[in-house]
C-alpha atoms as a PDB file:
ATOM      1  CA  ARG A   1     -59.572 -77.807  44.751  1.00  0.00           C
ATOM      2  CA  ALA A   2     -57.963 -76.210  41.600  1.00  0.00           C
ATOM      3  CA  VAL A   3     -59.663 -72.820  42.041  1.00  0.00           C
ATOM      4  CA  ASN A   4     -57.393 -70.301  42.579  1.00  0.00           C
ATOM      5  CA  ARG A   5     -54.647 -72.771  43.538  1.00  0.00           C
ATOM      6  CA  GLU A   6     -51.102 -71.361  44.116  1.00  0.00           C
ATOM      7  CA  VAL A   7     -49.087 -72.853  41.301  1.00  0.00           C
ATOM      8  CA  GLY A   8     -45.960 -72.059  39.334  1.00  0.00           C
ATOM      9  CA  THR A   9     -46.055 -69.232  36.759  1.00  0.00           C
ATOM     10  CA  GLU A  10     -42.672 -70.003  35.123  1.00  0.00           C
ATOM     11  CA  GLY A  11     -42.739 -70.681  31.483  1.00  0.00           C
ATOM     12  CA  PRO A  12     -44.486 -69.109  28.209  1.00  0.00           C
ATOM     13  CA  LYS A  13     -47.749 -67.443  28.119  1.00  0.00           C
ATOM     14  CA  ILE A  14     -49.824 -69.782  26.140  1.00  0.00           C
ATOM     15  CA  VAL A  15     -53.354 -69.091  24.881  1.00  0.00           C
ATOM     16  CA  GLY A  16     -55.908 -71.834  23.608  1.00  0.00           C
ATOM     17  CA  VAL A  17     -58.866 -70.330  21.482  1.00  0.00           C
ATOM     18  CA  ASP A  18     -62.081 -72.315  20.685  1.00  0.00           C
ATOM     19  CA  VAL A  19     -63.961 -70.532  17.771  1.00  0.00           C
ATOM     20  CA  SER A  20     -67.799 -70.427  17.622  1.00  0.00           C
ATOM     21  CA  ARG A  21     -70.086 -68.335  15.517  1.00  0.00           C
ATOM     22  CA  GLU A  22     -73.760 -69.018  16.194  1.00  0.00           C
ATOM     23  CA  GLY A  23     -76.207 -70.836  18.487  1.00  0.00           C
ATOM     24  CA  ASP A  24     -75.366 -71.103  22.095  1.00  0.00           C
ATOM     25  CA  ASP A  25     -71.788 -71.744  21.466  1.00  0.00           C
ATOM     26  CA  GLU A  26     -69.143 -69.276  22.584  1.00  0.00           C
ATOM     27  CA  THR A  27     -65.832 -68.227  21.200  1.00  0.00           C
ATOM     28  CA  VAL A  28     -63.288 -68.607  24.238  1.00  0.00           C
ATOM     29  CA  ILE A  29     -59.731 -67.298  24.850  1.00  0.00           C
ATOM     30  CA  ALA A  30     -57.997 -69.278  27.637  1.00  0.00           C
ATOM     31  CA  CYS A  31     -54.532 -67.912  28.459  1.00  0.00           C
ATOM     32  CA  ARG A  32     -52.110 -69.503  31.063  1.00  0.00           C
ATOM     33  CA  LYS A  33     -48.884 -68.612  32.335  1.00  0.00           C
ATOM     34  CA  GLY A  34     -47.016 -71.482  33.679  1.00  0.00           C
ATOM     35  CA  MET A  35     -49.697 -73.830  35.297  1.00  0.00           C
ATOM     36  CA  LYS A  36     -52.069 -70.875  36.518  1.00  0.00           C
ATOM     37  CA  THR A  37     -55.127 -70.062  33.923  1.00  0.00           C
ATOM     38  CA  THR A  38     -54.830 -66.257  34.037  1.00  0.00           C
ATOM     39  CA  ASP A  39     -57.655 -65.240  31.654  1.00  0.00           C
ATOM     40  CA  LEU A  40     -60.971 -66.763  30.410  1.00  0.00           C
ATOM     41  CA  ILE A  41     -62.487 -64.556  27.877  1.00  0.00           C
ATOM     42  CA  THR A  42     -65.833 -65.431  26.146  1.00  0.00           C
ATOM     43  CA  TRP A  43     -67.977 -63.991  23.668  1.00  0.00           C
ATOM     44  CA  GLY A  44     -70.765 -65.174  21.168  1.00  0.00           C
ATOM     45  CA  HIS A  45     -72.572 -64.564  17.780  1.00  0.00           C
ATOM     46  CA  GLN A  46     -69.604 -62.626  15.885  1.00  0.00           C
ATOM     47  CA  ASP A  47     -68.031 -63.370  12.622  1.00  0.00           C
ATOM     48  CA  THR A  48     -64.610 -64.693  12.129  1.00  0.00           C
ATOM     49  CA  ILE A  49     -63.089 -61.237  11.320  1.00  0.00           C
ATOM     50  CA  PHE A  50     -64.292 -60.040  14.651  1.00  0.00           C
ATOM     51  CA  SER A  51     -63.048 -63.045  16.535  1.00  0.00           C
ATOM     52  CA  ALA A  52     -59.535 -62.865  14.862  1.00  0.00           C
ATOM     53  CA  SER A  53     -59.393 -59.193  15.610  1.00  0.00           C
ATOM     54  CA  ARG A  54     -60.105 -59.682  19.310  1.00  0.00           C
ATOM     55  CA  VAL A  55     -57.563 -62.536  19.645  1.00  0.00           C
ATOM     56  CA  LYS A  56     -54.873 -60.518  17.916  1.00  0.00           C
ATOM     57  CA  ASN A  57     -55.622 -57.495  20.099  1.00  0.00           C
ATOM     58  CA  PHE A  58     -55.597 -59.830  23.365  1.00  0.00           C
ATOM     59  CA  CYS A  59     -52.259 -61.452  22.180  1.00  0.00           C
ATOM     60  CA  GLU A  60     -50.656 -58.175  21.637  1.00  0.00           C
ATOM     61  CA  LYS A  61     -51.636 -56.635  24.947  1.00  0.00           C
ATOM     62  CA  SER A  62     -50.918 -59.684  27.047  1.00  0.00           C
ATOM     63  CA  LYS A  63     -47.437 -60.400  25.231  1.00  0.00           C
ATOM     64  CA  VAL A  64     -48.540 -63.925  24.344  1.00  0.00           C
ATOM     65  CA  ASP A  65     -45.762 -66.408  23.582  1.00  0.00           C
ATOM     66  CA  ILE A  66     -47.831 -69.272  21.949  1.00  0.00           C
ATOM     67  CA  LEU A  67     -51.179 -69.016  20.342  1.00  0.00           C
ATOM     68  CA  ARG A  68     -53.211 -72.143  19.573  1.00  0.00           C
ATOM     69  CA  VAL A  69     -56.514 -72.082  17.836  1.00  0.00           C
ATOM     70  CA  ASP A  70     -58.913 -74.760  17.127  1.00  0.00           C
ATOM     71  CA  SER A  71     -58.720 -75.117  13.228  1.00  0.00           C
ATOM     72  CA  ILE A  72     -62.048 -77.318  12.819  1.00  0.00           C
ATOM     73  CA  GLY A  73     -64.912 -75.363  11.363  1.00  0.00           C
ATOM     74  CA  VAL A  74     -64.979 -71.571  11.615  1.00  0.00           C
ATOM     75  CA  GLY A  75     -61.427 -71.770  13.536  1.00  0.00           C
ATOM     76  CA  GLY A  76     -59.639 -72.312  10.221  1.00  0.00           C
ATOM     77  CA  PRO A  77     -60.742 -68.684   8.859  1.00  0.00           C
ATOM     78  CA  VAL A  78     -59.606 -67.227  12.144  1.00  0.00           C
ATOM     79  CA  VAL A  79     -56.089 -68.794  11.811  1.00  0.00           C
ATOM     80  CA  ASP A  80     -55.794 -67.329   8.227  1.00  0.00           C
ATOM     81  CA  ASP A  81     -56.862 -63.862   9.293  1.00  0.00           C
ATOM     82  CA  LEU A  82     -54.510 -63.908  12.235  1.00  0.00           C
ATOM     83  CA  ARG A  83     -51.470 -65.201   9.765  1.00  0.00           C
ATOM     84  CA  ALA A  84     -52.588 -62.499   7.353  1.00  0.00           C
ATOM     85  CA  TRP A  85     -52.090 -59.964  10.084  1.00  0.00           C
ATOM     86  CA  GLY A  86     -48.596 -61.307  10.934  1.00  0.00           C
ATOM     87  CA  VAL A  87     -49.614 -63.218  13.960  1.00  0.00           C
ATOM     88  CA  THR A  88     -48.069 -66.583  14.414  1.00  0.00           C
ATOM     89  CA  ALA A  89     -50.795 -69.065  15.291  1.00  0.00           C
ATOM     90  CA  GLU A  90     -50.638 -72.661  15.616  1.00  0.00           C
ATOM     91  CA  GLN A  91     -53.836 -74.454  14.006  1.00  0.00           C
ATOM     92  CA  ILE A  92     -54.790 -77.309  16.360  1.00  0.00           C
ATOM     93  CA  ASN A  93     -57.016 -79.991  14.712  1.00  0.00           C
ATOM     94  CA  VAL A  94     -58.168 -82.014  17.864  1.00  0.00           C
ATOM     95  CA  GLY A  95     -59.514 -84.475  15.559  1.00  0.00           C
ATOM     96  CA  LEU A  96     -56.070 -85.822  14.178  1.00  0.00           C
ATOM     97  CA  PRO A  97     -54.479 -88.835  15.548  1.00  0.00           C
ATOM     98  CA  ALA A  98     -52.844 -88.713  19.117  1.00  0.00           C
ATOM     99  CA  ILE A  99     -49.189 -89.213  19.875  1.00  0.00           C
ATOM    100  CA  ASP A 100     -50.129 -92.089  21.948  1.00  0.00           C
ATOM    101  CA  LYS A 101     -52.204 -94.092  19.421  1.00  0.00           C
ATOM    102  CA  GLU A 102     -52.283 -97.125  21.463  1.00  0.00           C
ATOM    103  CA  HIS A 103     -54.358 -95.392  24.085  1.00  0.00           C
ATOM    104  CA  PHE A 104     -55.929 -92.341  22.598  1.00  0.00           C
ATOM    105  CA  LEU A 105     -57.935 -91.945  19.424  1.00  0.00           C
ATOM    106  CA  ASN A 106     -57.083 -88.416  18.777  1.00  0.00           C
ATOM    107  CA  ILE A 107     -55.591 -85.241  20.049  1.00  0.00           C
ATOM    108  CA  ARG A 108     -58.823 -84.345  21.851  1.00  0.00           C
ATOM    109  CA  ALA A 109     -58.766 -87.366  24.034  1.00  0.00           C
ATOM    110  CA  GLU A 110     -55.109 -87.197  24.721  1.00  0.00           C
ATOM    111  CA  GLY A 111     -55.502 -83.473  25.562  1.00  0.00           C
ATOM    112  CA  TYR A 112     -58.375 -84.067  28.062  1.00  0.00           C
ATOM    113  CA  GLN A 113     -56.507 -86.863  29.700  1.00  0.00           C
ATOM    114  CA  HIS A 114     -53.640 -84.506  30.170  1.00  0.00           C
ATOM    115  CA  LEU A 115     -55.903 -82.014  31.603  1.00  0.00           C
ATOM    116  CA  ALA A 116     -57.374 -84.578  33.942  1.00  0.00           C
ATOM    117  CA  ASP A 117     -54.013 -85.651  35.052  1.00  0.00           C
ATOM    118  CA  LEU A 118     -53.103 -82.053  35.920  1.00  0.00           C
ATOM    119  CA  PHE A 119     -56.256 -81.705  38.041  1.00  0.00           C
ATOM    120  CA  THR A 120     -55.660 -85.069  39.635  1.00  0.00           C
ATOM    121  CA  ASN A 121     -52.159 -84.281  40.861  1.00  0.00           C
ATOM    122  CA  ASP A 122     -53.044 -80.735  41.915  1.00  0.00           C
ATOM    123  CA  GLU A 123     -50.837 -79.073  39.264  1.00  0.00           C
ATOM    124  CA  ILE A 124     -53.290 -76.456  37.625  1.00  0.00           C
ATOM    125  CA  SER A 125     -55.218 -73.413  38.753  1.00  0.00           C
ATOM    126  CA  ILE A 126     -58.257 -72.203  37.230  1.00  0.00           C
ATOM    127  CA  PRO A 127     -60.437 -69.191  37.942  1.00  0.00           C
ATOM    128  CA  GLU A 128     -63.540 -69.372  39.726  1.00  0.00           C
ATOM    129  CA  ASP A 129     -66.009 -70.006  36.581  1.00  0.00           C
ATOM    130  CA  GLU A 130     -69.244 -72.174  37.190  1.00  0.00           C
ATOM    131  CA  ASP A 131     -69.548 -72.698  33.438  1.00  0.00           C
ATOM    132  CA  LEU A 132     -65.989 -73.922  33.050  1.00  0.00           C
ATOM    133  CA  LYS A 133     -66.377 -76.328  35.929  1.00  0.00           C
ATOM    134  CA  ALA A 134     -69.696 -77.613  34.696  1.00  0.00           C
ATOM    135  CA  GLN A 135     -68.234 -78.170  31.212  1.00  0.00           C
ATOM    136  CA  LEU A 136     -64.886 -79.920  32.676  1.00  0.00           C
ATOM    137  CA  CYS A 137     -67.234 -82.238  34.771  1.00  0.00           C
ATOM    138  CA  ASP A 138     -69.636 -82.917  31.686  1.00  0.00           C
ATOM    139  CA  ILE A 139     -66.713 -84.390  29.432  1.00  0.00           C
ATOM    140  CA  ARG A 140     -67.539 -88.123  28.815  1.00  0.00           C
ATOM    141  CA  TYR A 141     -65.377 -90.685  27.312  1.00  0.00           C
ATOM    142  CA  GLU A 142     -65.803 -94.108  26.084  1.00  0.00           C
ATOM    143  CA  TYR A 143     -63.598 -96.901  24.623  1.00  0.00           C
ATOM    144  CA  ASN A 144     -63.815 -98.218  21.031  1.00  0.00           C
ATOM    145  CA  ASP A 145     -63.701-101.784  20.142  1.00  0.00           C
ATOM    146  CA  LYS A 146     -59.843-101.691  20.168  1.00  0.00           C
ATOM    147  CA  GLY A 147     -59.762-100.259  23.669  1.00  0.00           C
ATOM    148  CA  ILE A 148     -58.838 -96.909  22.576  1.00  0.00           C
ATOM    149  CA  LYS A 149     -60.066 -93.871  24.640  1.00  0.00           C
ATOM    150  CA  LYS A 150     -62.242 -91.323  22.807  1.00  0.00           C
ATOM    151  CA  ILE A 151     -64.148 -88.437  24.122  1.00  0.00           C
ATOM    152  CA  GLU A 152     -67.775 -88.251  23.516  1.00  0.00           C
ATOM    153  CA  SER A 153     -68.784 -86.311  20.342  1.00  0.00           C
ATOM    154  CA  LYS A 154     -70.196 -82.866  20.745  1.00  0.00           C
ATOM    155  CA  LYS A 155     -73.269 -84.130  18.654  1.00  0.00           C
ATOM    156  CA  ASP A 156     -73.695 -86.756  21.235  1.00  0.00           C
ATOM    157  CA  SER A 157     -73.107 -84.533  24.219  1.00  0.00           C
ATOM    158  CA  LYS A 158     -75.741 -82.105  22.822  1.00  0.00           C
ATOM    159  CA  SER A 159     -78.359 -84.788  22.313  1.00  0.00           C
ATOM    160  CA  ARG A 160     -78.172 -85.447  26.077  1.00  0.00           C
ATOM    161  CA  GLY A 161     -78.671 -81.935  26.774  1.00  0.00           C
ATOM    162  CA  SER A 162     -75.277 -80.648  27.320  1.00  0.00           C
ATOM    163  CA  LYS A 163     -73.957 -77.402  25.918  1.00  0.00           C
ATOM    164  CA  SER A 164     -70.603 -77.334  23.863  1.00  0.00           C
ATOM    165  CA  PRO A 165     -67.764 -77.394  26.245  1.00  0.00           C
ATOM    166  CA  ASP A 166     -66.275 -74.292  24.717  1.00  0.00           C
ATOM    167  CA  LYS A 167     -64.277 -73.035  27.826  1.00  0.00           C
ATOM    168  CA  ALA A 168     -63.200 -76.586  28.560  1.00  0.00           C
ATOM    169  CA  ASP A 169     -61.802 -76.962  24.964  1.00  0.00           C
ATOM    170  CA  ALA A 170     -60.017 -73.625  24.987  1.00  0.00           C
ATOM    171  CA  LEU A 171     -58.353 -74.636  28.373  1.00  0.00           C
ATOM    172  CA  MET A 172     -57.589 -77.922  27.001  1.00  0.00           C
ATOM    173  CA  MET A 173     -55.703 -76.514  24.027  1.00  0.00           C
ATOM    174  CA  ALA A 174     -53.917 -74.044  26.238  1.00  0.00           C
ATOM    175  CA  PHE A 175     -52.385 -76.863  28.297  1.00  0.00           C
ATOM    176  CA  LEU A 176     -51.872 -79.131  25.261  1.00  0.00           C
ATOM    177  CA  PRO A 177     -48.349 -80.572  25.569  1.00  0.00           C
ATOM    178  CA  GLY A 178     -46.208 -82.126  22.651  1.00  0.00           C
ATOM    179  CA  TYR A 179     -47.231 -80.310  19.563  1.00  0.00           C
ATOM    180  CA  ASN A 180     -44.991 -78.120  17.557  1.00  0.00           C
ATOM    181  CA  GLN A 181     -45.872 -74.426  16.389  1.00  0.00           C
ATOM    182  CA  ALA A 182     -47.829 -73.561  13.298  1.00  0.00           C
ATOM    183  CA  GLN A 183     -49.547 -76.905  12.802  1.00  0.00           C
ATOM    184  CA  SER A 184     -51.153 -79.608  14.875  1.00  0.00           C
ATOM    185  CA  GLN A 185     -48.463 -82.371  14.146  1.00  0.00           C
ATOM    186  CA  PRO A 186     -47.387 -84.205  17.201  1.00  0.00           C
ATOM    187  CA  VAL A 187     -43.930 -83.969  18.330  1.00  0.00           C
ATOM    188  CA  ASP A 188     -42.871 -87.585  18.994  1.00  0.00           C
ATOM    189  CA  ASN A 189     -40.213 -87.651  21.692  1.00  0.00           C
ATOM    190  CA  ASN A 190     -39.527 -91.294  21.662  1.00  0.00           C
END
């Protein structure tokens, strides 16, 4: 239902980037304007300088307002390169604690719940992309012994034969609410 849905396009242009360097994983740029996903760009097997340069060029060409890059692993050097070139980039560490610590283990779990809510409420539009749809449908969660929701680890996901959800992760970061610029510290509005 969310594929090419008519939704509002007001608001800033926000990009989420999931960075990869090797194996079957891809680096992904997910761009949104308002609630519409406008671009989903992927590439694989490139070094961090190449990826940072491609992200920088996309942001300049597309006049991006907010850039969020997954800073775990090889994403950190991409953020460093972008900042060295004068690009403002939020480094998002999805493993950090969630804003709502009573219900979610980390930013990743909270971000995916927010994304799921957008789909459930028919508030988001995505492009026709079979890989993205498959990745979104393959995200699994569980609850820890304290009843706090967490997303299945990428290691566990791969052990059951799934690919890394690179497109889904980039999309989740593009739609991630409640985080201030230049860092992945939650903004507590309570």
